[in-house]
């Protein structure tokens, strides 16, 4: 990942067209991811909704913790949708729109630039995406990271973002 486009740069492999969509994300993997995400949320004392989408943006699994904000359901699904269709973390889209490189009219009605949505990348392929919603920026990011790691997908983009925001 380069740092030439501001604090949350677009990965070089994305810019070069080297990230292809690949099928293979299973419900069993999604369940492991949701369990890890919930465990992280519980450790932090936050209530979350987490969505896992396949490589076509279709919902594979959704988990809302008891008493988590109802709006978090749709936001989590939209974060997963944005991450899979856009091939980059959702908050990077906010940086791109603010830079003026893409007009706001480009954004689809489900597109969201909020932190907490990440493509599920392994071996330069995208298998799906995760969206986590219900907490602060750090909470959404760290809960999503736990899910991504449990699925065996790359966490380097999330780690860079978490390091730049400096924790809780």
Protein backbone atom coordinates (compact mmCIF):
# COMPACT_ATOMS: atom_id res chain seq x y z
CA UNK A 1 0.00 0.00 0.00
CA UNK A 2 1.39 3.37 -0.97
CA UNK A 3 0.98 6.61 0.91
CA UNK A 4 0.85 8.95 -2.09
CA UNK A 5 -2.87 9.78 -1.89
CA UNK A 6 -3.30 11.02 1.61
CA UNK A 7 -3.65 9.14 4.84
CA UNK A 8 -5.57 6.15 3.45
CA UNK A 9 -4.09 5.39 0.03
CA UNK A 10 -5.54 3.08 -2.60
CA UNK A 11 -3.55 -0.18 -2.84
CA UNK A 12 -1.27 -0.37 -5.87
CA UNK A 13 -2.72 -3.74 -6.93
CA UNK A 14 -6.18 -2.12 -7.09
CA UNK A 15 -4.94 0.80 -9.20
CA UNK A 16 -3.13 -1.60 -11.53
CA UNK A 17 -6.23 -3.77 -12.02
CA UNK A 18 -4.63 -6.80 -10.37
CA UNK A 19 -7.46 -7.57 -7.93
CA UNK A 20 -9.89 -9.95 -9.55
CA UNK A 21 -13.15 -11.21 -8.12
CA UNK A 22 -13.12 -14.87 -7.11
CA UNK A 23 -15.83 -17.12 -5.72
CA UNK A 24 -15.40 -19.49 -2.79
CA UNK A 25 -16.53 -17.62 0.31
CA UNK A 26 -18.58 -20.14 2.28
CA UNK A 27 -21.20 -19.79 4.97
CA UNK A 28 -18.89 -21.73 7.32
CA UNK A 29 -16.16 -19.12 6.83
CA UNK A 30 -18.67 -16.29 7.26
CA UNK A 31 -19.86 -17.82 10.56
CA UNK A 32 -16.27 -17.96 11.86
CA UNK A 33 -15.82 -14.34 10.87
CA UNK A 34 -19.02 -13.27 12.63
CA UNK A 35 -18.08 -15.13 15.79
CA UNK A 36 -14.65 -13.46 15.90
CA UNK A 37 -16.19 -10.06 15.20
CA UNK A 38 -18.72 -10.50 18.01
CA UNK A 39 -15.97 -11.62 20.42
CA UNK A 40 -13.99 -8.47 19.63
CA UNK A 41 -17.09 -6.31 20.11
CA UNK A 42 -17.82 -7.95 23.47
CA UNK A 43 -14.21 -7.39 24.61
CA UNK A 44 -14.66 -3.70 23.82
CA UNK A 45 -18.11 -3.53 25.38
CA UNK A 46 -19.81 -2.38 22.17
CA UNK A 47 -22.91 -3.60 20.32
CA UNK A 48 -22.48 -4.21 16.61
CA UNK A 49 -24.06 -5.44 13.43
CA UNK A 50 -21.74 -7.24 11.01
CA UNK A 51 -22.49 -8.21 7.42
CA UNK A 52 -20.57 -10.56 5.14
CA UNK A 53 -21.13 -10.33 1.38
CA UNK A 54 -19.93 -12.60 -1.43
CA UNK A 55 -18.00 -11.49 -4.51
CA UNK A 56 -21.18 -10.17 -6.12
CA UNK A 57 -22.23 -8.05 -3.16
CA UNK A 58 -24.91 -10.54 -2.09
CA UNK A 59 -25.45 -11.03 1.62
CA UNK A 60 -23.98 -14.31 2.89
CA UNK A 61 -24.52 -13.70 6.60
CA UNK A 62 -25.66 -10.94 8.92
CA UNK A 63 -25.30 -10.79 12.67
CA UNK A 64 -26.77 -8.13 14.96
CA UNK A 65 -25.92 -8.35 18.61
CA UNK A 66 -28.82 -7.99 21.05
CA UNK A 67 -29.77 -4.34 21.50
CA UNK A 68 -27.41 -3.10 18.78
CA UNK A 69 -28.77 -0.04 17.00
CA UNK A 70 -31.25 -1.04 14.26
CA UNK A 71 -29.72 1.41 11.78
CA UNK A 72 -26.47 -0.56 12.06
CA UNK A 73 -28.04 -3.44 10.13
CA UNK A 74 -28.42 -1.50 6.89
CA UNK A 75 -25.19 0.42 7.40
CA UNK A 76 -23.20 -2.82 7.87
CA UNK A 77 -24.74 -4.29 4.70
CA UNK A 78 -23.99 -1.09 2.77
CA UNK A 79 -20.39 -1.08 4.00
CA UNK A 80 -19.93 -4.64 2.73
CA UNK A 81 -21.59 -3.68 -0.59
CA UNK A 82 -19.31 -0.64 -0.98
CA UNK A 83 -16.17 -2.60 -0.13
CA UNK A 84 -16.87 -5.37 -2.63
CA UNK A 85 -17.97 -3.15 -5.48
CA UNK A 86 -15.29 -0.54 -4.86
CA UNK A 87 -12.47 -3.01 -4.10
CA UNK A 88 -11.10 -0.80 -1.30
CA UNK A 89 -11.90 -0.02 2.35
CA UNK A 90 -15.04 2.08 2.61
CA UNK A 91 -13.40 5.01 4.35
CA UNK A 92 -10.98 5.40 1.42
CA UNK A 93 -13.98 6.39 -0.71
CA UNK A 94 -14.56 9.30 1.67
CA UNK A 95 -10.98 10.46 1.09
CA UNK A 96 -11.38 10.13 -2.69
CA UNK A 97 -14.65 12.09 -2.78
CA UNK A 98 -13.22 14.82 -0.49
CA UNK A 99 -10.15 15.10 -2.76
CA UNK A 100 -12.40 16.08 -5.67
CA UNK A 101 -11.07 13.28 -7.89
CA UNK A 102 -14.54 11.74 -8.14
CA UNK A 103 -17.70 13.84 -8.06
CA UNK A 104 -20.18 12.98 -5.28
CA UNK A 105 -22.77 12.14 -7.97
CA UNK A 106 -20.71 9.02 -8.76
CA UNK A 107 -21.75 7.42 -5.52
CA UNK A 108 -24.50 4.76 -5.68
CA UNK A 109 -27.41 5.06 -3.24
CA UNK A 110 -25.93 2.18 -1.14
CA UNK A 111 -22.38 3.56 -1.31
CA UNK A 112 -21.03 4.57 2.08
CA UNK A 113 -17.68 6.16 2.96
CA UNK A 114 -17.97 5.31 6.67
CA UNK A 115 -15.16 3.27 8.28
CA UNK A 116 -15.70 -0.43 8.85
CA UNK A 117 -16.10 -1.96 5.38
CA UNK A 118 -13.31 -4.05 3.84
CA UNK A 119 -12.88 -6.31 0.84
CA UNK A 120 -11.88 -9.88 1.71
CA UNK A 121 -8.59 -10.28 -0.15
CA UNK A 122 -6.40 -13.36 -0.46
CA UNK A 123 -3.78 -14.05 -3.15
CA UNK A 124 -4.64 -10.86 -5.07
CA UNK A 125 -8.30 -11.86 -5.38
CA UNK A 126 -11.42 -10.51 -3.72
CA UNK A 127 -13.74 -13.16 -2.31
CA UNK A 128 -16.28 -10.85 -0.71
CA UNK A 129 -16.46 -8.12 1.89
CA UNK A 130 -17.26 -7.37 5.51
CA UNK A 131 -19.12 -4.43 6.96
CA UNK A 132 -19.21 -3.60 10.68
CA UNK A 133 -21.38 -0.89 12.20
CA UNK A 134 -22.47 0.33 15.60
CA UNK A 135 -19.51 1.94 17.31
CA UNK A 136 -16.87 4.61 16.90
CA UNK A 137 -14.43 4.58 14.00
CA UNK A 138 -11.96 2.50 16.03
CA UNK A 139 -14.65 0.05 17.15
CA UNK A 140 -16.00 -0.52 13.64
CA UNK A 141 -12.48 -0.98 12.26
CA UNK A 142 -11.23 -3.33 14.97
CA UNK A 143 -14.37 -5.48 14.90
CA UNK A 144 -14.14 -5.75 11.11
CA UNK A 145 -10.44 -6.62 11.44
CA UNK A 146 -11.23 -9.48 13.82
CA UNK A 147 -13.68 -10.90 11.31
CA UNK A 148 -11.31 -10.52 8.37
CA UNK A 149 -8.48 -12.24 10.26
CA UNK A 150 -10.74 -15.13 11.34
CA UNK A 151 -11.62 -15.75 7.70
CA UNK A 152 -7.96 -16.00 6.75
CA UNK A 153 -8.00 -12.84 4.64
CA UNK A 154 -5.41 -10.05 4.47
CA UNK A 155 -5.54 -7.50 7.27
CA UNK A 156 -2.72 -5.21 6.11
CA UNK A 157 -5.02 -2.42 4.86
CA UNK A 158 -6.91 -2.44 8.16
CA UNK A 159 -3.68 -2.49 10.15
CA UNK A 160 -2.42 0.58 8.27
CA UNK A 161 -5.64 2.46 8.95
CA UNK A 162 -5.72 1.46 12.63
CA UNK A 163 -2.08 2.56 13.04
CA UNK A 164 -2.81 5.95 11.41
CA UNK A 165 -5.82 6.71 13.57
CA UNK A 166 -3.84 5.81 16.66
CA UNK A 167 -6.14 3.43 18.48
CA UNK A 168 -9.13 4.18 20.66
